[in-house]
């Protein structure tokens, strides 16, 4: 039998006063995103309510009167959970539950729940649990019976409770344990990263808002590699936070030069700070990239806000100095023709139809080739091993067998340029 989906009601707060006019577009977009998040968690969204107030109510967030209205509404619709669009304090959750009579969670708990469902690697699971424990710590007193729940339904998944009452000491000890385990994982990742950096293979990192198409684009790019097979594809699906774990795959530029593609976790507005902190170590891969592809959903009417959200996280990671190509995906959904200038670091593509994927690869090559050298070389016949090495690493143009050796036009990176300088023709 199919598991019954939990019926949820979404509640948002729109702050309005004489100094700030009501921004219905902003709150509606935020509520629509909350709906998608709830669906991603496996919920059945029954309805959405937006409360207009001049300020947040300290005790009940939307006010006690509104909370009582919500109670009646939930009873009539047989609602299981009420999800609020902002982060609530433990006291607010407790007060709202006492009035409404059913489970109340906030946007942060919802996002953490999705991450708990989607994390696959050991590191990913540890990072999510760390964020969840930090979220629970200041809410021990306020949540009361909420802390006694044993993982059943949206907002309760993840590490779970090993005892009915989780005390402060237990959470602090668990946080210390997780941090210790993550340090070990980080050491291993740093060793792997240093090996990649020594190999001088260019690294291209994909970043962007969740569901912009990063993983789908990754799969399109890695098809260029001679060793590509479908089992190397990263998981992609039309849903928020389809993938959490950072993945690395090999790909080839048009000149046959090999590079690494790094697919990262997507971002979302009001992303819990503890979650950003927890995933910083993983996202550090972006800092070491030679090029960043900022993937944007061109069909989303609120794409500018999504772009700013991504840029804010990149700023926090201190990765804004890395060259960036802005990739507007889903161009097939646009009802107008898009033409970006060839010299701009912007390209409109469609992973679905393959539109402009070749142009994007050309732009990537142009960016990466900035520190490469196009030269003519002459390799003696007794050093054919050098020619084979170069041929396997890059695209060899116009090579021919001459009297005193093999002549070719090649593209060399800085290390190979120094290594084979004795065979470079002036």
Protein backbone atom coordinates (compact mmCIF):
# COMPACT_ATOMS: atom_id res chain seq x y z
CA UNK A 1 0.00 0.00 0.00
CA UNK A 2 1.16 3.50 -0.80
CA UNK A 3 2.17 5.46 2.29
CA UNK A 4 -0.25 8.27 3.12
CA UNK A 5 1.21 11.72 2.60
CA UNK A 6 1.01 14.11 5.50
CA UNK A 7 -1.43 16.94 4.84
CA UNK A 8 0.16 20.31 5.52
CA UNK A 9 -0.91 23.92 5.75
CA UNK A 10 1.66 26.60 4.89
CA UNK A 11 1.69 29.89 6.80
CA UNK A 12 3.64 33.00 5.86
CA UNK A 13 4.05 36.41 7.46
CA UNK A 14 4.13 39.59 5.37
CA UNK A 15 5.56 42.51 7.36
CA UNK A 16 3.86 45.79 6.42
CA UNK A 17 4.13 49.25 7.97
CA UNK A 18 4.04 52.91 6.98
CA UNK A 19 7.75 52.85 6.16
CA UNK A 20 7.64 49.67 4.07
CA UNK A 21 4.89 48.93 1.60
CA UNK A 22 3.56 45.41 1.33
CA UNK A 23 5.56 43.36 -1.18
CA UNK A 24 3.02 40.76 -2.26
CA UNK A 25 5.22 39.53 -5.10
CA UNK A 26 8.09 38.74 -2.73
CA UNK A 27 5.94 36.92 -0.16
CA UNK A 28 4.06 35.00 -2.85
CA UNK A 29 7.33 33.83 -4.43
CA UNK A 30 8.64 32.80 -1.03
CA UNK A 31 5.43 30.88 -0.27
CA UNK A 32 5.53 29.15 -3.65
CA UNK A 33 9.07 28.06 -2.90
CA UNK A 34 7.97 26.82 0.53
CA UNK A 35 5.29 24.76 -1.24
CA UNK A 36 7.92 23.17 -3.48
CA UNK A 37 10.08 22.44 -0.44
CA UNK A 38 7.14 20.78 1.32
CA UNK A 39 6.43 18.65 -1.74
CA UNK A 40 10.11 17.71 -1.92
CA UNK A 41 9.78 16.46 1.66
CA UNK A 42 6.86 14.26 0.62
CA UNK A 43 3.99 16.39 1.92
CA UNK A 44 0.53 16.99 0.49
CA UNK A 45 0.13 20.78 0.51
CA UNK A 46 -3.56 21.53 1.14
CA UNK A 47 -3.48 25.32 1.30
CA UNK A 48 -1.42 28.44 2.03
CA UNK A 49 -2.19 31.34 4.37
CA UNK A 50 -0.45 34.73 4.43
CA UNK A 51 -0.86 36.96 7.48
CA UNK A 52 -0.19 40.71 7.12
CA UNK A 53 1.22 42.32 10.26
CA UNK A 54 3.35 45.31 11.14
CA UNK A 55 5.73 43.08 13.11
CA UNK A 56 6.25 39.53 14.26
CA UNK A 57 4.44 38.49 17.40
CA UNK A 58 7.03 37.46 19.98
CA UNK A 59 4.92 34.69 21.47
CA UNK A 60 2.82 33.42 18.53
CA UNK A 61 4.66 34.81 15.47
CA UNK A 62 1.40 35.55 13.57
CA UNK A 63 -0.52 36.60 16.69
CA UNK A 64 -2.70 34.53 19.01
CA UNK A 65 -5.91 35.48 17.22
CA UNK A 66 -4.56 34.26 13.88
CA UNK A 67 -3.28 31.09 15.53
CA UNK A 68 -6.80 30.36 16.78
CA UNK A 69 -8.15 30.92 13.23
CA UNK A 70 -5.55 28.48 11.93
CA UNK A 71 -6.70 25.91 14.52
CA UNK A 72 -10.29 26.01 13.20
CA UNK A 73 -9.07 25.88 9.60
CA UNK A 74 -6.84 22.86 10.31
CA UNK A 75 -9.69 20.98 11.99
CA UNK A 76 -11.96 21.54 9.00
CA UNK A 77 -9.31 20.31 6.52
CA UNK A 78 -7.91 17.50 8.68
CA UNK A 79 -4.38 19.01 8.55
CA UNK A 80 -1.48 17.02 10.06
CA UNK A 81 1.25 19.69 10.16
CA UNK A 82 1.47 23.48 9.93
CA UNK A 83 4.68 24.74 8.33
CA UNK A 84 5.72 28.36 8.89
CA UNK A 85 7.77 30.21 6.28
CA UNK A 86 10.36 31.60 8.73
CA UNK A 87 12.49 30.23 11.53
CA UNK A 88 10.60 30.05 14.83
CA UNK A 89 11.93 29.98 18.36
CA UNK A 90 11.29 26.98 20.58
CA UNK A 91 8.81 29.03 22.63
CA UNK A 92 6.89 30.10 19.53
CA UNK A 93 6.62 26.50 18.33
CA UNK A 94 5.41 25.38 21.77
CA UNK A 95 2.84 28.22 22.00
CA UNK A 96 1.53 27.63 18.48
CA UNK A 97 1.19 23.88 19.06
CA UNK A 98 -0.74 24.46 22.29
CA UNK A 99 -3.24 26.69 20.44
CA UNK A 100 -3.48 24.87 17.09
CA UNK A 101 -3.34 21.40 18.61
CA UNK A 102 -1.17 19.74 15.95
CA UNK A 103 2.50 19.63 15.03
CA UNK A 104 4.17 22.89 14.01
CA UNK A 105 7.53 23.17 12.22
CA UNK A 106 9.36 26.04 10.55
CA UNK A 107 11.11 26.49 7.20
CA UNK A 108 14.50 25.62 8.68
CA UNK A 109 13.28 22.29 10.08
CA UNK A 110 11.69 21.52 6.71
CA UNK A 111 14.92 22.14 4.79
CA UNK A 112 16.89 20.10 7.32
CA UNK A 113 14.37 17.28 6.89
CA UNK A 114 14.88 17.29 3.10
CA UNK A 115 18.64 17.23 3.56
CA UNK A 116 18.30 14.33 6.00
CA UNK A 117 16.37 12.37 3.36
CA UNK A 118 18.78 13.14 0.51
CA UNK A 119 22.22 12.88 2.12
CA UNK A 120 23.94 9.72 0.84
CA UNK A 121 27.63 9.98 1.70
CA UNK A 122 28.98 9.63 5.22
CA UNK A 123 30.16 13.25 5.13
CA UNK A 124 26.79 14.50 3.90
CA UNK A 125 24.93 12.67 6.67
CA UNK A 126 27.32 14.01 9.30
CA UNK A 127 26.97 17.56 8.02
CA UNK A 128 23.17 17.37 8.11
CA UNK A 129 23.15 15.89 11.60
CA UNK A 130 25.51 18.61 12.81
CA UNK A 131 23.15 21.30 11.49
CA UNK A 132 20.14 19.55 13.05
CA UNK A 133 21.77 19.24 16.45
CA UNK A 134 22.76 22.93 16.37
CA UNK A 135 19.17 23.81 15.43
CA UNK A 136 17.79 21.77 18.35
CA UNK A 137 20.20 23.00 21.00
CA UNK A 138 18.71 26.47 21.65
CA UNK A 139 15.18 25.01 21.43
CA UNK A 140 15.53 22.42 24.20
CA UNK A 141 13.55 24.46 26.72
CA UNK A 142 11.01 25.96 24.36
CA UNK A 143 10.16 22.83 22.39
CA UNK A 144 9.28 20.73 25.40
CA UNK A 145 7.48 17.61 24.19
CA UNK A 146 8.72 18.27 20.62
CA UNK A 147 12.14 17.06 21.76
CA UNK A 148 10.61 13.75 22.88
CA UNK A 149 9.40 12.75 19.43
CA UNK A 150 11.00 9.70 17.93
CA UNK A 151 11.35 10.53 14.25
CA UNK A 152 7.95 10.10 12.63
CA UNK A 153 7.04 12.43 9.80
CA UNK A 154 8.27 15.64 8.21
CA UNK A 155 10.57 17.68 10.43
CA UNK A 156 11.53 14.76 12.68
CA UNK A 157 13.80 12.75 10.38
CA UNK A 158 17.55 12.68 10.60
CA UNK A 159 19.62 11.58 13.54
CA UNK A 160 16.51 10.77 15.60
CA UNK A 161 16.30 10.61 19.41
CA UNK A 162 18.15 7.88 21.27
CA UNK A 163 16.25 8.74 24.46
CA UNK A 164 12.84 10.28 25.09
CA UNK A 165 14.41 13.44 26.51
CA UNK A 166 17.56 14.78 24.81
CA UNK A 167 19.42 16.96 27.27
CA UNK A 168 21.86 19.72 26.49
CA UNK A 169 24.90 17.67 27.45
CA UNK A 170 23.95 14.85 25.09
CA UNK A 171 23.59 17.26 22.14
CA UNK A 172 26.86 19.04 22.94
CA UNK A 173 28.68 15.70 23.16
CA UNK A 174 27.18 14.57 19.86
CA UNK A 175 28.17 17.86 18.19
CA UNK A 176 31.76 17.34 19.40
CA UNK A 177 31.76 13.78 18.06
CA UNK A 178 30.45 14.86 14.66
CA UNK A 179 33.00 17.66 14.37
CA UNK A 180 35.76 15.17 15.18
CA UNK A 181 34.54 12.76 12.49
CA UNK A 182 34.22 15.57 9.96
CA UNK A 183 37.82 16.63 10.63
CA UNK A 184 38.99 13.16 9.62
CA UNK A 185 36.87 13.26 6.46
CA UNK A 186 38.21 16.73 5.69
CA UNK A 187 41.82 15.51 5.97
CA UNK A 188 41.14 12.77 3.41
CA UNK A 189 39.46 15.25 1.07
CA UNK A 190 42.38 17.68 1.37
CA UNK A 191 44.80 14.89 0.39
CA UNK A 192 42.66 14.05 -2.65
CA UNK A 193 42.39 17.75 -3.53
CA UNK A 194 46.15 18.29 -3.33
CA UNK A 195 46.65 15.35 -5.70
CA UNK A 196 44.19 16.89 -8.17
CA UNK A 197 45.90 20.27 -7.95
CA UNK A 198 49.31 18.71 -8.59
CA UNK A 199 47.94 17.00 -11.69
CA UNK A 200 47.28 20.44 -13.22
CA UNK A 201 43.91 19.28 -14.58
CA UNK A 202 41.62 22.35 -14.79
CA UNK A 203 38.62 22.27 -12.43
CA UNK A 204 35.23 23.73 -13.39
CA UNK A 205 32.67 24.02 -10.55
CA UNK A 206 28.93 24.33 -11.09
CA UNK A 207 27.00 26.41 -8.57
CA UNK A 208 23.51 27.83 -8.50
CA UNK A 209 20.05 27.79 -7.03
CA UNK A 210 18.49 24.41 -6.37
CA UNK A 211 16.69 22.91 -9.39
CA UNK A 212 18.43 25.25 -11.86
CA UNK A 213 19.78 22.23 -13.74
CA UNK A 214 23.35 21.85 -12.44
CA UNK A 215 23.32 18.06 -12.32
CA UNK A 216 21.64 17.79 -15.73
CA UNK A 217 24.27 20.14 -17.19
CA UNK A 218 27.03 18.10 -15.54
CA UNK A 219 25.72 15.01 -17.32
CA UNK A 220 25.69 16.87 -20.66
CA UNK A 221 29.27 18.07 -20.21
CA UNK A 222 30.76 14.72 -19.16
CA UNK A 223 29.40 13.08 -22.33
CA UNK A 224 32.40 14.64 -24.08
CA UNK A 225 34.85 12.33 -22.31
CA UNK A 226 36.11 9.27 -24.16
CA UNK A 227 35.52 7.10 -21.07
CA UNK A 228 31.94 8.31 -20.58
CA UNK A 229 29.21 5.81 -19.78
CA UNK A 230 25.71 6.31 -18.39
CA UNK A 231 26.69 4.87 -15.03
CA UNK A 232 28.93 7.94 -14.54
CA UNK A 233 25.89 10.27 -14.67
CA UNK A 234 25.09 12.14 -11.47
CA UNK A 235 21.53 11.87 -10.15
CA UNK A 236 19.27 14.56 -11.58
CA UNK A 237 15.55 15.15 -11.16
CA UNK A 238 13.13 18.08 -11.51
CA UNK A 239 12.87 18.73 -7.78
CA UNK A 240 14.47 20.86 -5.07
CA UNK A 241 17.71 19.46 -3.61
CA UNK A 242 17.77 16.35 -5.81
CA UNK A 243 21.47 15.98 -4.98
CA UNK A 244 23.48 17.05 -1.94
CA UNK A 245 26.85 15.41 -2.23
CA UNK A 246 29.62 17.05 -4.25
CA UNK A 247 30.56 14.93 -7.27
CA UNK A 248 33.60 15.07 -9.57
CA UNK A 249 33.59 13.79 -13.14
CA UNK A 250 36.01 14.00 -16.06
CA UNK A 251 35.17 15.81 -19.31
CA UNK A 252 36.93 17.02 -22.45
CA UNK A 253 37.16 20.46 -24.00
CA UNK A 254 36.78 20.85 -27.79
CA UNK A 255 40.60 20.77 -28.02
CA UNK A 256 40.51 17.38 -26.27
CA UNK A 257 42.08 18.76 -23.10
CA UNK A 258 40.79 16.97 -20.01
CA UNK A 259 39.16 18.85 -17.15
CA UNK A 260 37.19 18.04 -14.00
CA UNK A 261 33.54 19.00 -13.49
CA UNK A 262 32.45 19.58 -9.88
CA UNK A 263 28.71 19.47 -9.17
CA UNK A 264 27.73 21.10 -5.86
CA UNK A 265 24.68 21.29 -3.61
CA UNK A 266 22.08 23.86 -4.71
CA UNK A 267 21.15 26.94 -2.72
CA UNK A 268 17.79 28.29 -1.61
CA UNK A 269 16.61 31.54 -0.02
CA UNK A 270 16.60 31.55 3.79
CA UNK A 271 19.04 28.63 3.77
CA UNK A 272 19.71 27.83 7.46
CA UNK A 273 23.00 29.39 8.54
CA UNK A 274 24.07 26.22 10.37
CA UNK A 275 23.51 24.26 7.17
CA UNK A 276 25.70 26.68 5.18
CA UNK A 277 28.33 26.38 7.89
CA UNK A 278 28.10 22.59 7.90
CA UNK A 279 28.48 22.33 4.13
CA UNK A 280 31.24 24.93 3.88
CA UNK A 281 33.92 22.26 3.98
CA UNK A 282 32.32 20.46 1.04
CA UNK A 283 31.70 23.68 -0.85
CA UNK A 284 35.37 24.62 -0.46
CA UNK A 285 35.89 22.69 -3.70
CA UNK A 286 34.51 25.82 -5.40
CA UNK A 287 37.38 27.91 -3.98
CA UNK A 288 39.95 25.75 -5.73
CA UNK A 289 38.19 25.76 -9.11
CA UNK A 290 39.77 27.45 -12.12
CA UNK A 291 36.33 28.45 -13.37
CA UNK A 292 32.81 28.67 -11.93
CA UNK A 293 29.66 28.05 -13.95
CA UNK A 294 26.83 29.93 -12.26
CA UNK A 295 23.77 28.01 -13.47
CA UNK A 296 20.51 29.98 -13.47
CA UNK A 297 16.96 28.90 -14.30
CA UNK A 298 16.15 31.40 -17.08
CA UNK A 299 12.47 30.44 -17.00
CA UNK A 300 12.04 31.45 -13.35
CA UNK A 301 10.49 34.91 -13.02
CA UNK A 302 12.45 35.46 -9.81
CA UNK A 303 15.83 34.44 -11.20
CA UNK A 304 17.53 37.69 -10.11
CA UNK A 305 16.77 36.94 -6.45
CA UNK A 306 18.03 33.39 -6.94
CA UNK A 307 21.25 34.71 -8.51
CA UNK A 308 21.83 37.05 -5.57
CA UNK A 309 21.27 34.16 -3.13
CA UNK A 310 23.98 32.16 -4.88
CA UNK A 311 26.37 35.12 -5.02
CA UNK A 312 25.87 35.71 -1.29
CA UNK A 313 26.97 32.14 -0.54
CA UNK A 314 29.97 32.46 -2.91
CA UNK A 315 30.91 35.65 -1.08
CA UNK A 316 30.72 33.81 2.22
CA UNK A 317 33.00 31.14 0.76
CA UNK A 318 35.40 33.86 -0.49
CA UNK A 319 35.15 32.48 -4.01
CA UNK A 320 34.08 35.62 -5.88
CA UNK A 321 37.56 36.22 -7.32
CA UNK A 322 37.34 33.05 -9.44
CA UNK A 323 36.33 33.66 -13.10
CA UNK A 324 32.60 33.06 -13.64
CA UNK A 325 30.46 32.20 -16.66
CA UNK A 326 26.76 32.79 -16.05
CA UNK A 327 24.79 29.96 -17.66
CA UNK A 328 21.07 30.61 -18.17
CA UNK A 329 19.54 27.15 -18.48
CA UNK A 330 16.04 26.13 -19.67
CA UNK A 331 16.13 28.55 -22.61
CA UNK A 332 13.67 26.21 -24.35
CA UNK A 333 10.97 27.45 -21.94
CA UNK A 334 11.41 31.10 -22.95
CA UNK A 335 8.93 32.64 -25.37
CA UNK A 336 11.52 35.01 -26.82
CA UNK A 337 14.80 34.52 -28.66
CA UNK A 338 17.95 35.09 -26.64
CA UNK A 339 21.20 36.29 -28.18
CA UNK A 340 24.15 36.92 -25.89
CA UNK A 341 27.26 38.63 -27.24
CA UNK A 342 30.08 36.25 -28.03
CA UNK A 343 32.59 38.11 -25.88
CA UNK A 344 30.33 38.15 -22.81
CA UNK A 345 30.71 35.65 -19.96
CA UNK A 346 27.03 34.75 -20.41
CA UNK A 347 25.41 31.96 -22.38
CA UNK A 348 21.81 30.78 -22.73
CA UNK A 349 21.47 27.01 -23.04
CA UNK A 350 18.94 24.20 -22.83
CA UNK A 351 20.07 20.91 -21.35
CA UNK A 352 16.80 19.42 -22.52
CA UNK A 353 17.33 20.18 -26.22
CA UNK A 354 21.13 20.54 -26.26
CA UNK A 355 20.85 24.17 -27.40
CA UNK A 356 24.19 26.03 -27.12
CA UNK A 357 25.98 23.28 -25.15
CA UNK A 358 28.75 23.47 -27.77
CA UNK A 359 28.96 27.25 -27.35
CA UNK A 360 29.26 26.81 -23.59
CA UNK A 361 32.13 24.35 -24.02
CA UNK A 362 33.85 26.85 -26.33
CA UNK A 363 33.52 29.54 -23.67
CA UNK A 364 34.87 27.18 -21.00
CA UNK A 365 37.84 26.36 -23.22
CA UNK A 366 38.53 30.04 -23.86
CA UNK A 367 38.52 30.79 -20.12
CA UNK A 368 40.69 27.83 -19.18
CA UNK A 369 43.09 28.44 -22.07
CA UNK A 370 44.06 31.78 -20.57
CA UNK A 371 47.22 30.31 -19.00
CA UNK A 372 47.97 27.84 -21.79
CA UNK A 373 50.51 28.09 -24.60
CA UNK A 374 49.91 27.21 -28.24
CA UNK A 375 53.33 26.21 -29.61
CA UNK A 376 55.10 24.22 -32.32
CA UNK A 377 57.31 21.36 -31.15
CA UNK A 378 59.82 19.03 -32.72
CA UNK A 379 60.25 15.71 -30.89
CA UNK A 380 63.23 13.48 -31.80
CA UNK A 381 62.26 9.99 -32.95
CA UNK A 382 64.06 8.44 -29.99
CA UNK A 383 61.70 10.36 -27.64
CA UNK A 384 58.45 9.10 -29.10
CA UNK A 385 57.23 8.57 -25.51
CA UNK A 386 57.07 12.37 -25.06
CA UNK A 387 54.97 12.74 -28.20
CA UNK A 388 52.57 10.00 -27.03
CA UNK A 389 52.23 11.65 -23.60
CA UNK A 390 51.41 15.04 -25.14
CA UNK A 391 49.04 13.46 -27.66
CA UNK A 392 47.08 11.74 -24.88
CA UNK A 393 46.75 14.97 -22.88
CA UNK A 394 45.82 17.48 -25.55
CA UNK A 395 44.66 17.95 -29.10
CA UNK A 396 47.62 17.64 -31.48
CA UNK A 397 47.23 19.76 -34.60
CA UNK A 398 48.98 19.20 -37.95
CA UNK A 399 51.63 16.73 -36.80
CA UNK A 400 53.94 15.31 -39.46
CA UNK A 401 57.04 13.15 -39.65
CA UNK A 402 60.09 15.15 -40.67
CA UNK A 403 63.69 14.17 -41.24
CA UNK A 404 64.85 15.06 -37.72
CA UNK A 405 61.72 14.24 -35.71
CA UNK A 406 57.97 14.61 -35.24
CA UNK A 407 56.69 18.14 -35.84
CA UNK A 408 53.38 19.20 -34.27
CA UNK A 409 51.31 22.16 -33.10
CA UNK A 410 50.13 21.60 -29.54
CA UNK A 411 48.63 23.38 -26.54
CA UNK A 412 50.63 23.08 -23.32
CA UNK A 413 49.85 24.15 -19.76
CA UNK A 414 52.43 25.95 -17.63
CA UNK A 415 54.03 22.77 -16.22
CA UNK A 416 54.28 21.00 -19.59
CA UNK A 417 55.55 24.20 -21.21
CA UNK A 418 58.48 24.20 -18.78
CA UNK A 419 58.96 20.43 -19.01
CA UNK A 420 59.20 20.33 -22.82
CA UNK A 421 60.69 23.77 -23.51
CA UNK A 422 63.79 22.21 -25.09
CA UNK A 423 61.61 20.80 -27.91
CA UNK A 424 59.65 24.03 -28.53
CA UNK A 425 60.48 25.81 -31.78
CA UNK A 426 60.99 29.57 -31.66
